[in-house]
Amino acid sequence: MRRLVLRLAALSLVLGTVLAVGGCGGSDDDKAPADRATTSDGEPIRIGAKNFTEQTILGELYRQALEAKGYEVELKLDLGSSEIVHRALRRGALDMYPEYIGVLLSEVAQDTERPPSDAAAYEAAKAFERRNGFTLLAQTPFADSNALAVKPRFAERHGRRTIADLRKLKGTVKIAALAEFATRFEGLEGLEQLYGLRELDVVEADGNERYSKLDDGEVEVASVFTSEGQLAGDDYVVLEDPQRLFASGHVAPVVNDKVLAAHGPGLQQAIDVVSRELTTPAMREMNGAVDLEKRQAAEVAAEFLRARGLL
């Protein structure tokens, strides 16, 4: 209980920071010229991004593509979890951000019923946002779902191929994961409800640290994102999820209806054309370039957009 109270306090603190820095952008490399187009009230389009590599890349992709079309944009990075970023959107501190369909349903809409298909998940998420005054734009071809991964030797030695197989392990199973995993349905709550896994201990780890703890044997399992560059080879085995705990991982930008109305169809078209280019191989390559090659997200995003004639 104490851990949950501390996390809720931290969430409130981060949200307060998001609201307080309404005039601060997260990307300073490219200053918009004075003749950039702005919203009807003279304000830039404020794009939010969560606190991990892929979100930083997505934020840069949308920012740079929109600026290339003449829109003035503020990009706010490292804002925290979906719960924090969506609340900032609802309170007017943001105008749009890219969201994962399954996470939107289970953690923001609090709908833990597993959709029968990705298409059904998208329609349910779109209806939820419509009731809130937001539009869920076209979803990406790539899907970056939450998943659980183990080392190949561990999978072979213990015969573990699905999440359900973890029930056969003796004692407590340690999982390296982001902090919110401990309190989410697409985390410990769902693992207990859908798979009966109760002897689990979350070892909080950010970014590459999740993989390093798995490599070093500090944990048996890592919570991963399926489009991460680390999963491109044979170094890890992603456990199958027959109960569909980790729902659709397709991404769709959530945009305030008032902002869309102020700019007309051109804004949506400029966003959708980026989303359509984001395949799983492309996203995994960009993630790997940042996480493994240590390149800057802004540089990687610009290279991707130029190659497709969007810059």
C-alpha atoms as a PDB file:
ATOM      1  CA  MET A   1       0.000   0.000   0.000  1.00  0.00           C
ATOM      2  CA  ARG A   2       2.835   2.379   0.861  1.00  0.00           C
ATOM      3  CA  ARG A   3       4.412   1.773  -2.559  1.00  0.00           C
ATOM      4  CA  LEU A   4       1.106   2.559  -4.308  1.00  0.00           C
ATOM      5  CA  VAL A   5       0.651   5.784  -2.300  1.00  0.00           C
ATOM      6  CA  LEU A   6       4.158   6.918  -3.208  1.00  0.00           C
ATOM      7  CA  ARG A   7       3.526   6.208  -6.903  1.00  0.00           C
ATOM      8  CA  LEU A   8       0.265   8.161  -6.870  1.00  0.00           C
ATOM      9  CA  ALA A   9       2.044  11.072  -5.218  1.00  0.00           C
ATOM     10  CA  ALA A  10       4.761  10.930  -7.853  1.00  0.00           C
ATOM     11  CA  LEU A  11       2.151  10.853 -10.621  1.00  0.00           C
ATOM     12  CA  SER A  12       0.509  13.985  -9.208  1.00  0.00           C
ATOM     13  CA  LEU A  13       3.882  15.723  -9.005  1.00  0.00           C
ATOM     14  CA  VAL A  14       4.752  14.915 -12.626  1.00  0.00           C
ATOM     15  CA  LEU A  15       1.316  15.998 -13.846  1.00  0.00           C
ATOM     16  CA  GLY A  16       1.709  19.265 -11.971  1.00  0.00           C
ATOM     17  CA  THR A  17       5.020  19.798 -13.723  1.00  0.00           C
ATOM     18  CA  VAL A  18       3.425  19.113 -17.124  1.00  0.00           C
ATOM     19  CA  LEU A  19       0.720  21.681 -16.474  1.00  0.00           C
ATOM     20  CA  ALA A  20       3.202  24.217 -15.125  1.00  0.00           C
ATOM     21  CA  VAL A  21       5.498  24.128 -18.146  1.00  0.00           C
ATOM     22  CA  GLY A  22       2.795  24.870 -20.677  1.00  0.00           C
ATOM     23  CA  GLY A  23       5.103  27.264 -22.469  1.00  0.00           C
ATOM     24  CA  CYS A  24       8.137  24.971 -22.600  1.00  0.00           C
ATOM     25  CA  GLY A  25       8.955  22.694 -25.528  1.00  0.00           C
ATOM     26  CA  GLY A  26      10.938  19.500 -25.245  1.00  0.00           C
ATOM     27  CA  SER A  27      13.030  20.017 -28.387  1.00  0.00           C
ATOM     28  CA  ASP A  28      15.293  23.010 -28.902  1.00  0.00           C
ATOM     29  CA  ASP A  29      17.398  21.942 -31.884  1.00  0.00           C
ATOM     30  CA  ASP A  30      15.153  23.453 -34.563  1.00  0.00           C
ATOM     31  CA  LYS A  31      13.690  26.898 -33.929  1.00  0.00           C
ATOM     32  CA  ALA A  32      10.583  27.616 -35.985  1.00  0.00           C
ATOM     33  CA  PRO A  33      10.844  30.639 -38.296  1.00  0.00           C
ATOM     34  CA  ALA A  34       8.667  33.645 -37.523  1.00  0.00           C
ATOM     35  CA  ASP A  35       6.411  32.976 -40.519  1.00  0.00           C
ATOM     36  CA  ARG A  36       5.298  29.530 -39.309  1.00  0.00           C
ATOM     37  CA  ALA A  37       1.549  28.896 -39.275  1.00  0.00           C
ATOM     38  CA  THR A  38      -0.048  28.685 -35.832  1.00  0.00           C
ATOM     39  CA  THR A  39      -3.433  27.753 -34.466  1.00  0.00           C
ATOM     40  CA  SER A  40      -6.297  30.194 -34.906  1.00  0.00           C
ATOM     41  CA  ASP A  41      -5.554  31.795 -31.520  1.00  0.00           C
ATOM     42  CA  GLY A  42      -1.847  32.160 -32.280  1.00  0.00           C
ATOM     43  CA  GLU A  43      -0.750  29.199 -30.174  1.00  0.00           C
ATOM     44  CA  PRO A  44       1.502  26.371 -31.410  1.00  0.00           C
ATOM     45  CA  ILE A  45       0.356  22.752 -31.535  1.00  0.00           C
ATOM     46  CA  ARG A  46       1.589  21.109 -28.330  1.00  0.00           C
ATOM     47  CA  ILE A  47       2.613  17.470 -28.808  1.00  0.00           C
ATOM     48  CA  GLY A  48       3.297  15.282 -25.779  1.00  0.00           C
ATOM     49  CA  ALA A  49       5.388  12.119 -25.573  1.00  0.00           C
ATOM     50  CA  LYS A  50       5.886   9.551 -22.842  1.00  0.00           C
ATOM     51  CA  ASN A  51       9.147   8.683 -21.157  1.00  0.00           C
ATOM     52  CA  PHE A  52      10.827   6.054 -23.325  1.00  0.00           C
ATOM     53  CA  THR A  53      12.749   5.859 -26.576  1.00  0.00           C
ATOM     54  CA  GLU A  54       9.979   5.005 -29.021  1.00  0.00           C
ATOM     55  CA  GLN A  55       7.773   7.820 -27.763  1.00  0.00           C
ATOM     56  CA  THR A  56      10.613  10.311 -28.154  1.00  0.00           C
ATOM     57  CA  ILE A  57      11.080   9.159 -31.749  1.00  0.00           C
ATOM     58  CA  LEU A  58       7.350   9.352 -32.477  1.00  0.00           C
ATOM     59  CA  GLY A  59       7.170  12.830 -30.997  1.00  0.00           C
ATOM     60  CA  GLU A  60      10.067  13.947 -33.201  1.00  0.00           C
ATOM     61  CA  LEU A  61       8.521  12.377 -36.297  1.00  0.00           C
ATOM     62  CA  TYR A  62       5.233  14.224 -35.881  1.00  0.00           C
ATOM     63  CA  ARG A  63       6.919  17.466 -34.816  1.00  0.00           C
ATOM     64  CA  GLN A  64       9.299  17.617 -37.760  1.00  0.00           C
ATOM     65  CA  ALA A  65       6.701  16.546 -40.322  1.00  0.00           C
ATOM     66  CA  LEU A  66       4.237  19.178 -39.126  1.00  0.00           C
ATOM     67  CA  GLU A  67       6.867  21.908 -39.044  1.00  0.00           C
ATOM     68  CA  ALA A  68       7.801  20.989 -42.613  1.00  0.00           C
ATOM     69  CA  LYS A  69       4.160  21.717 -43.520  1.00  0.00           C
ATOM     70  CA  GLY A  70       4.345  25.154 -41.879  1.00  0.00           C
ATOM     71  CA  TYR A  71       2.819  24.436 -38.470  1.00  0.00           C
ATOM     72  CA  GLU A  72       4.395  25.801 -35.313  1.00  0.00           C
ATOM     73  CA  VAL A  73       4.905  22.963 -32.838  1.00  0.00           C
ATOM     74  CA  GLU A  74       6.016  22.527 -29.230  1.00  0.00           C
ATOM     75  CA  LEU A  75       7.229  19.038 -28.341  1.00  0.00           C
ATOM     76  CA  LYS A  76       7.097  18.062 -24.675  1.00  0.00           C
ATOM     77  CA  LEU A  77       9.152  14.941 -23.955  1.00  0.00           C
ATOM     78  CA  ASP A  78       9.524  12.564 -21.005  1.00  0.00           C
ATOM     79  CA  LEU A  79       6.099  13.327 -19.560  1.00  0.00           C
ATOM     80  CA  GLY A  80       5.588   9.955 -17.877  1.00  0.00           C
ATOM     81  CA  SER A  81       2.974   7.233 -18.247  1.00  0.00           C
ATOM     82  CA  SER A  82      -0.231   7.174 -20.315  1.00  0.00           C
ATOM     83  CA  GLU A  83      -2.250   8.075 -17.244  1.00  0.00           C
ATOM     84  CA  ILE A  84      -0.236  11.269 -16.777  1.00  0.00           C
ATOM     85  CA  VAL A  85      -0.104  12.297 -20.432  1.00  0.00           C
ATOM     86  CA  HIS A  86      -3.786  11.697 -21.107  1.00  0.00           C
ATOM     87  CA  ARG A  87      -4.747  13.681 -18.022  1.00  0.00           C
ATOM     88  CA  ALA A  88      -2.612  16.551 -19.283  1.00  0.00           C
ATOM     89  CA  LEU A  89      -4.456  16.319 -22.611  1.00  0.00           C
ATOM     90  CA  ARG A  90      -7.827  16.465 -20.887  1.00  0.00           C
ATOM     91  CA  ARG A  91      -6.763  19.460 -18.790  1.00  0.00           C
ATOM     92  CA  GLY A  92      -5.650  21.388 -21.855  1.00  0.00           C
ATOM     93  CA  ALA A  93      -1.884  21.287 -21.308  1.00  0.00           C
ATOM     94  CA  LEU A  94      -1.427  19.278 -24.551  1.00  0.00           C
ATOM     95  CA  ASP A  95      -3.121  19.188 -27.945  1.00  0.00           C
ATOM     96  CA  MET A  96      -2.088  15.716 -29.090  1.00  0.00           C
ATOM     97  CA  TYR A  97       0.111  12.718 -28.323  1.00  0.00           C
ATOM     98  CA  PRO A  98       0.702   9.231 -29.798  1.00  0.00           C
ATOM     99  CA  GLU A  99      -0.953   6.452 -27.793  1.00  0.00           C
ATOM    100  CA  TYR A 100      -1.020   2.651 -27.830  1.00  0.00           C
ATOM    101  CA  ILE A 101      -4.537   1.324 -28.369  1.00  0.00           C
ATOM    102  CA  GLY A 102      -4.441  -1.477 -25.800  1.00  0.00           C
ATOM    103  CA  VAL A 103      -2.942   0.720 -23.096  1.00  0.00           C
ATOM    104  CA  LEU A 104      -5.490   3.437 -23.831  1.00  0.00           C
ATOM    105  CA  LEU A 105      -8.318   0.973 -23.261  1.00  0.00           C
ATOM    106  CA  SER A 106      -7.042  -0.795 -20.152  1.00  0.00           C
ATOM    107  CA  GLU A 107      -5.226   1.995 -18.319  1.00  0.00           C
ATOM    108  CA  VAL A 108      -7.013   5.195 -19.396  1.00  0.00           C
ATOM    109  CA  ALA A 109     -10.529   4.003 -20.252  1.00  0.00           C
ATOM    110  CA  GLN A 110     -10.275   1.359 -17.491  1.00  0.00           C
ATOM    111  CA  ASP A 111     -11.804  -1.203 -19.860  1.00  0.00           C
ATOM    112  CA  THR A 112     -10.186  -4.541 -19.003  1.00  0.00           C
ATOM    113  CA  GLU A 113     -12.364  -6.645 -21.302  1.00  0.00           C
ATOM    114  CA  ARG A 114      -9.996  -8.034 -23.919  1.00  0.00           C
ATOM    115  CA  PRO A 115     -11.074  -7.027 -27.471  1.00  0.00           C
ATOM    116  CA  PRO A 116     -11.444  -9.958 -29.904  1.00  0.00           C
ATOM    117  CA  SER A 117      -9.275  -8.240 -32.546  1.00  0.00           C
ATOM    118  CA  ASP A 118      -7.060  -5.236 -33.170  1.00  0.00           C
ATOM    119  CA  ALA A 119      -9.825  -3.672 -35.276  1.00  0.00           C
ATOM    120  CA  ALA A 120     -12.316  -4.020 -32.425  1.00  0.00           C
ATOM    121  CA  ALA A 121      -9.810  -2.500 -30.004  1.00  0.00           C
ATOM    122  CA  TYR A 122      -9.303   0.502 -32.295  1.00  0.00           C
ATOM    123  CA  GLU A 123     -13.035   1.151 -32.654  1.00  0.00           C
ATOM    124  CA  ALA A 124     -13.561   0.910 -28.885  1.00  0.00           C
ATOM    125  CA  ALA A 125     -10.692   3.324 -28.231  1.00  0.00           C
ATOM    126  CA  LYS A 126     -11.955   5.718 -30.898  1.00  0.00           C
ATOM    127  CA  ALA A 127     -15.436   5.755 -29.348  1.00  0.00           C
ATOM    128  CA  PHE A 128     -13.948   6.418 -25.905  1.00  0.00           C
ATOM    129  CA  GLU A 129     -11.974   9.413 -27.137  1.00  0.00           C
ATOM    130  CA  ARG A 130     -14.929  10.777 -29.090  1.00  0.00           C
ATOM    131  CA  ARG A 131     -16.878  11.041 -25.830  1.00  0.00           C
ATOM    132  CA  ASN A 132     -14.018  13.081 -24.361  1.00  0.00           C
ATOM    133  CA  GLY A 133     -13.824  15.601 -27.206  1.00  0.00           C
ATOM    134  CA  PHE A 134     -10.809  14.020 -28.900  1.00  0.00           C
ATOM    135  CA  THR A 135     -10.254  12.260 -32.204  1.00  0.00           C
ATOM    136  CA  LEU A 136      -8.216   9.089 -32.540  1.00  0.00           C
ATOM    137  CA  LEU A 137      -6.510   9.406 -35.906  1.00  0.00           C
ATOM    138  CA  ALA A 138      -5.377   6.584 -38.199  1.00  0.00           C
ATOM    139  CA  GLN A 139      -3.401   3.863 -36.451  1.00  0.00           C
ATOM    140  CA  THR A 140       0.078   2.799 -37.518  1.00  0.00           C
ATOM    141  CA  PRO A 141       0.859  -0.424 -39.406  1.00  0.00           C
ATOM    142  CA  PHE A 142       3.376  -1.294 -36.689  1.00  0.00           C
ATOM    143  CA  ALA A 143       2.276  -2.660 -33.344  1.00  0.00           C
ATOM    144  CA  ASP A 144       4.382  -2.260 -30.238  1.00  0.00           C
ATOM    145  CA  SER A 145       2.659  -4.367 -27.619  1.00  0.00           C
ATOM    146  CA  ASN A 146       3.718  -4.989 -24.074  1.00  0.00           C
ATOM    147  CA  ALA A 147       5.177  -8.484 -23.733  1.00  0.00           C
ATOM    148  CA  LEU A 148       7.244 -10.675 -21.450  1.00  0.00           C
ATOM    149  CA  ALA A 149      10.653 -11.906 -22.598  1.00  0.00           C
ATOM    150  CA  VAL A 150      13.140 -14.444 -21.245  1.00  0.00           C
ATOM    151  CA  LYS A 151      16.598 -15.623 -22.279  1.00  0.00           C
ATOM    152  CA  PRO A 152      16.608 -18.516 -24.803  1.00  0.00           C
ATOM    153  CA  ARG A 153      18.561 -20.756 -22.427  1.00  0.00           C
ATOM    154  CA  PHE A 154      15.994 -20.152 -19.694  1.00  0.00           C
ATOM    155  CA  ALA A 155      13.103 -20.945 -22.068  1.00  0.00           C
ATOM    156  CA  GLU A 156      14.766 -24.148 -23.219  1.00  0.00           C
ATOM    157  CA  ARG A 157      15.810 -25.343 -19.764  1.00  0.00           C
ATOM    158  CA  HIS A 158      12.400 -24.756 -18.208  1.00  0.00           C
ATOM    159  CA  GLY A 159      10.223 -25.412 -21.263  1.00  0.00           C
ATOM    160  CA  ARG A 160       8.679 -21.952 -21.123  1.00  0.00           C
ATOM    161  CA  ARG A 161       6.974 -20.725 -24.298  1.00  0.00           C
ATOM    162  CA  THR A 162       3.854 -18.951 -23.014  1.00  0.00           C
ATOM    163  CA  ILE A 163       3.100 -16.649 -20.106  1.00  0.00           C
ATOM    164  CA  ALA A 164       1.006 -19.426 -18.555  1.00  0.00           C
ATOM    165  CA  ASP A 165       4.151 -21.584 -18.323  1.00  0.00           C
ATOM    166  CA  LEU A 166       5.517 -19.247 -15.645  1.00  0.00           C
ATOM    167  CA  ARG A 167       3.076 -20.847 -13.196  1.00  0.00           C
ATOM    168  CA  LYS A 168       5.262 -23.950 -13.214  1.00  0.00           C
ATOM    169  CA  LEU A 169       8.271 -22.131 -11.762  1.00  0.00           C
ATOM    170  CA  LYS A 170       8.964 -22.581  -8.070  1.00  0.00           C
ATOM    171  CA  GLY A 171       9.268 -19.591  -5.786  1.00  0.00           C
ATOM    172  CA  THR A 172       9.004 -15.907  -6.680  1.00  0.00           C
ATOM    173  CA  VAL A 173       9.585 -14.854 -10.274  1.00  0.00           C
ATOM    174  CA  LYS A 174      11.370 -11.525 -10.695  1.00  0.00           C
ATOM    175  CA  ILE A 175      10.324  -9.278 -13.581  1.00  0.00           C
ATOM    176  CA  ALA A 176      12.344  -6.241 -14.685  1.00  0.00           C
ATOM    177  CA  ALA A 177       9.819  -3.577 -15.686  1.00  0.00           C
ATOM    178  CA  LEU A 178       8.926   0.092 -15.651  1.00  0.00           C
ATOM    179  CA  ALA A 179       7.438   1.284 -12.362  1.00  0.00           C
ATOM    180  CA  GLU A 180       3.836   1.447 -13.620  1.00  0.00           C
ATOM    181  CA  PHE A 181       3.880  -2.282 -14.432  1.00  0.00           C
ATOM    182  CA  ALA A 182       3.247  -3.023 -10.739  1.00  0.00           C
ATOM    183  CA  THR A 183      -0.105  -1.200 -10.703  1.00  0.00           C
ATOM    184  CA  ARG A 184      -1.471  -1.770 -14.221  1.00  0.00           C
ATOM    185  CA  PHE A 185      -3.907  -4.286 -15.624  1.00  0.00           C
ATOM    186  CA  GLU A 186      -1.421  -4.807 -18.461  1.00  0.00           C
ATOM    187  CA  GLY A 187       0.985  -5.736 -15.684  1.00  0.00           C
ATOM    188  CA  LEU A 188       0.755  -7.536 -12.344  1.00  0.00           C
ATOM    189  CA  GLU A 189      -3.014  -7.126 -12.033  1.00  0.00           C
ATOM    190  CA  GLY A 190      -3.758  -8.797 -15.365  1.00  0.00           C
ATOM    191  CA  LEU A 191      -1.118 -11.484 -14.876  1.00  0.00           C
ATOM    192  CA  GLU A 192      -2.870 -12.507 -11.679  1.00  0.00           C
ATOM    193  CA  GLN A 193      -6.417 -12.281 -13.046  1.00  0.00           C
ATOM    194  CA  LEU A 194      -5.881 -13.931 -16.437  1.00  0.00           C
ATOM    195  CA  TYR A 195      -2.968 -16.272 -15.723  1.00  0.00           C
ATOM    196  CA  GLY A 196      -3.173 -16.907 -11.987  1.00  0.00           C
ATOM    197  CA  LEU A 197       0.376 -15.643 -11.457  1.00  0.00           C
ATOM    198  CA  ARG A 198       0.714 -14.443  -7.878  1.00  0.00           C
ATOM    199  CA  GLU A 199       4.343 -15.077  -6.932  1.00  0.00           C
ATOM    200  CA  LEU A 200       5.761 -12.178  -8.932  1.00  0.00           C
ATOM    201  CA  ASP A 201       8.123  -9.419  -7.875  1.00  0.00           C
ATOM    202  CA  VAL A 202       8.657  -6.306 -10.008  1.00  0.00           C
ATOM    203  CA  VAL A 203      12.224  -5.037 -10.131  1.00  0.00           C
ATOM    204  CA  GLU A 204      11.908  -1.454 -11.339  1.00  0.00           C
ATOM    205  CA  ALA A 205      14.148  -0.743 -14.329  1.00  0.00           C
ATOM    206  CA  ASP A 206      14.133   1.863 -17.088  1.00  0.00           C
ATOM    207  CA  GLY A 207      15.041   1.526 -20.762  1.00  0.00           C
ATOM    208  CA  ASN A 208      17.989  -0.743 -21.506  1.00  0.00           C
ATOM    209  CA  GLU A 209      18.280  -1.604 -17.831  1.00  0.00           C
ATOM    210  CA  ARG A 210      15.404  -4.080 -18.247  1.00  0.00           C
ATOM    211  CA  TYR A 211      17.513  -6.068 -20.692  1.00  0.00           C
ATOM    212  CA  SER A 212      20.757  -5.774 -18.742  1.00  0.00           C
ATOM    213  CA  LYS A 213      19.112  -7.175 -15.609  1.00  0.00           C
ATOM    214  CA  LEU A 214      17.806 -10.090 -17.666  1.00  0.00           C
ATOM    215  CA  ASP A 215      21.234 -10.639 -19.258  1.00  0.00           C
ATOM    216  CA  ASP A 216      22.959 -10.564 -15.866  1.00  0.00           C
ATOM    217  CA  GLY A 217      20.537 -13.045 -14.309  1.00  0.00           C
ATOM    218  CA  GLU A 218      19.153 -10.558 -11.779  1.00  0.00           C
ATOM    219  CA  VAL A 219      15.641 -11.371 -13.014  1.00  0.00           C
ATOM    220  CA  GLU A 220      14.047 -14.290 -14.833  1.00  0.00           C
ATOM    221  CA  VAL A 221      11.697 -12.190 -16.998  1.00  0.00           C
ATOM    222  CA  ALA A 222      11.640  -8.700 -18.495  1.00  0.00           C
ATOM    223  CA  SER A 223       8.668  -6.598 -19.506  1.00  0.00           C
ATOM    224  CA  VAL A 224       9.451  -5.453 -23.052  1.00  0.00           C
ATOM    225  CA  PHE A 225       7.941  -3.615 -26.001  1.00  0.00           C
ATOM    226  CA  THR A 226       7.743  -5.770 -29.113  1.00  0.00           C
ATOM    227  CA  SER A 227       9.176  -3.167 -31.507  1.00  0.00           C
ATOM    228  CA  GLU A 228      12.354  -2.610 -29.473  1.00  0.00           C
ATOM    229  CA  GLY A 229      15.587  -3.052 -31.371  1.00  0.00           C
ATOM    230  CA  GLN A 230      16.902  -5.564 -28.833  1.00  0.00           C
ATOM    231  CA  LEU A 231      14.320  -8.102 -30.030  1.00  0.00           C
ATOM    232  CA  ALA A 232      15.486  -8.047 -33.660  1.00  0.00           C
ATOM    233  CA  GLY A 233      17.908 -10.939 -33.154  1.00  0.00           C
ATOM    234  CA  ASP A 234      17.844 -14.220 -31.249  1.00  0.00           C
ATOM    235  CA  ASP A 235      19.021 -12.945 -27.870  1.00  0.00           C
ATOM    236  CA  TYR A 236      15.558 -13.111 -26.287  1.00  0.00           C
ATOM    237  CA  VAL A 237      12.390 -15.196 -26.468  1.00  0.00           C
ATOM    238  CA  VAL A 238       9.052 -13.370 -26.282  1.00  0.00           C
ATOM    239  CA  LEU A 239       6.509 -15.486 -24.415  1.00  0.00           C
ATOM    240  CA  GLU A 240       3.204 -16.094 -26.174  1.00  0.00           C
ATOM    241  CA  ASP A 241       0.120 -14.430 -24.689  1.00  0.00           C
ATOM    242  CA  PRO A 242      -2.860 -16.746 -25.378  1.00  0.00           C
ATOM    243  CA  GLN A 243      -5.191 -14.767 -23.087  1.00  0.00           C
ATOM    244  CA  ARG A 244      -4.465 -11.494 -24.971  1.00  0.00           C
ATOM    245  CA  LEU A 245      -3.571  -9.677 -21.761  1.00  0.00           C
ATOM    246  CA  PHE A 246      -1.404  -7.339 -23.800  1.00  0.00           C
ATOM    247  CA  ALA A 247      -3.978  -5.994 -26.243  1.00  0.00           C
ATOM    248  CA  SER A 248      -3.438  -4.126 -29.522  1.00  0.00           C
ATOM    249  CA  GLY A 249      -0.126  -2.308 -29.625  1.00  0.00           C
ATOM    250  CA  HIS A 250      -0.898  -0.234 -32.698  1.00  0.00           C
ATOM    251  CA  VAL A 251      -0.299   3.484 -32.189  1.00  0.00           C
ATOM    252  CA  ALA A 252      -2.755   6.250 -33.021  1.00  0.00           C
ATOM    253  CA  PRO A 253      -2.364   9.971 -32.300  1.00  0.00           C
ATOM    254  CA  VAL A 254      -5.044  11.420 -30.011  1.00  0.00           C
ATOM    255  CA  VAL A 255      -5.871  15.011 -31.004  1.00  0.00           C
ATOM    256  CA  ASN A 256      -8.111  17.650 -29.469  1.00  0.00           C
ATOM    257  CA  ASP A 257     -11.152  18.191 -31.696  1.00  0.00           C
ATOM    258  CA  LYS A 258     -10.843  21.971 -31.360  1.00  0.00           C
ATOM    259  CA  VAL A 259      -7.317  21.899 -32.762  1.00  0.00           C
ATOM    260  CA  LEU A 260      -8.407  19.763 -35.708  1.00  0.00           C
ATOM    261  CA  ALA A 261     -11.319  22.123 -36.394  1.00  0.00           C
ATOM    262  CA  ALA A 262      -9.051  25.178 -36.220  1.00  0.00           C
ATOM    263  CA  HIS A 263      -6.730  23.831 -38.915  1.00  0.00           C
ATOM    264  CA  GLY A 264      -9.117  21.924 -41.132  1.00  0.00           C
ATOM    265  CA  PRO A 265      -8.376  18.603 -42.870  1.00  0.00           C
ATOM    266  CA  GLY A 266      -4.797  19.559 -43.697  1.00  0.00           C
ATOM    267  CA  LEU A 267      -3.575  18.899 -40.166  1.00  0.00           C
ATOM    268  CA  GLN A 268      -5.052  15.417 -39.996  1.00  0.00           C
ATOM    269  CA  GLN A 269      -3.658  14.581 -43.422  1.00  0.00           C
ATOM    270  CA  ALA A 270      -0.173  15.726 -42.374  1.00  0.00           C
ATOM    271  CA  ILE A 271      -0.298  13.493 -39.289  1.00  0.00           C
ATOM    272  CA  ASP A 272      -1.830  10.482 -41.019  1.00  0.00           C
ATOM    273  CA  VAL A 273       0.792  10.421 -43.772  1.00  0.00           C
ATOM    274  CA  VAL A 274       3.478   9.933 -41.122  1.00  0.00           C
ATOM    275  CA  SER A 275       1.546   7.223 -39.311  1.00  0.00           C
ATOM    276  CA  ARG A 276       1.057   5.239 -42.519  1.00  0.00           C
ATOM    277  CA  GLU A 277       4.835   4.955 -43.001  1.00  0.00           C
ATOM    278  CA  LEU A 278       5.515   3.453 -39.572  1.00  0.00           C
ATOM    279  CA  THR A 279       5.940  -0.266 -40.180  1.00  0.00           C
ATOM    280  CA  THR A 280       7.335  -2.691 -37.600  1.00  0.00           C
ATOM    281  CA  PRO A 281      10.753  -3.060 -39.336  1.00  0.00           C
ATOM    282  CA  ALA A 282      11.054   0.729 -39.666  1.00  0.00           C
ATOM    283  CA  MET A 283      10.167   1.376 -36.043  1.00  0.00           C
ATOM    284  CA  ARG A 284      12.416  -1.372 -34.737  1.00  0.00           C
ATOM    285  CA  GLU A 285      15.306   0.008 -36.809  1.00  0.00           C
ATOM    286  CA  MET A 286      14.780   3.529 -35.432  1.00  0.00           C
ATOM    287  CA  ASN A 287      14.498   2.260 -31.865  1.00  0.00           C
ATOM    288  CA  GLY A 288      17.717   0.297 -32.310  1.00  0.00           C
ATOM    289  CA  ALA A 289      19.512   3.311 -33.740  1.00  0.00           C
ATOM    290  CA  VAL A 290      18.749   5.282 -30.567  1.00  0.00           C
ATOM    291  CA  ASP A 291      19.022   2.542 -27.931  1.00  0.00           C
ATOM    292  CA  LEU A 292      21.888   0.505 -29.352  1.00  0.00           C
ATOM    293  CA  GLU A 293      23.797   2.909 -31.606  1.00  0.00           C
ATOM    294  CA  LYS A 294      23.263   5.851 -29.221  1.00  0.00           C
ATOM    295  CA  ARG A 295      22.130   8.238 -31.945  1.00  0.00           C
ATOM    296  CA  GLN A 296      19.880  11.225 -31.245  1.00  0.00           C
ATOM    297  CA  ALA A 297      16.148  10.652 -31.718  1.00  0.00           C
ATOM    298  CA  ALA A 298      15.737  13.924 -33.637  1.00  0.00           C
ATOM    299  CA  GLU A 299      18.453  12.907 -36.096  1.00  0.00           C
ATOM    300  CA  VAL A 300      16.993   9.418 -36.600  1.00  0.00           C
ATOM    301  CA  ALA A 301      13.501  10.824 -37.157  1.00  0.00           C
ATOM    302  CA  ALA A 302      14.747  13.396 -39.668  1.00  0.00           C
ATOM    303  CA  GLU A 303      16.607  10.716 -41.635  1.00  0.00           C
ATOM    304  CA  PHE A 304      13.451   8.580 -41.792  1.00  0.00           C
ATOM    305  CA  LEU A 305      11.258  11.472 -42.936  1.00  0.00           C
ATOM    306  CA  ARG A 306      13.737  12.671 -45.583  1.00  0.00           C
ATOM    307  CA  ALA A 307      13.963   9.164 -47.049  1.00  0.00           C
ATOM    308  CA  ARG A 308      10.193   9.238 -47.577  1.00  0.00           C
ATOM    309  CA  GLY A 309       9.968  12.763 -48.947  1.00  0.00           C
ATOM    310  CA  LEU A 310       8.276  14.165 -45.845  1.00  0.00           C
ATOM    311  CA  LEU A 311      10.961  16.762 -45.045  1.00  0.00           C
END
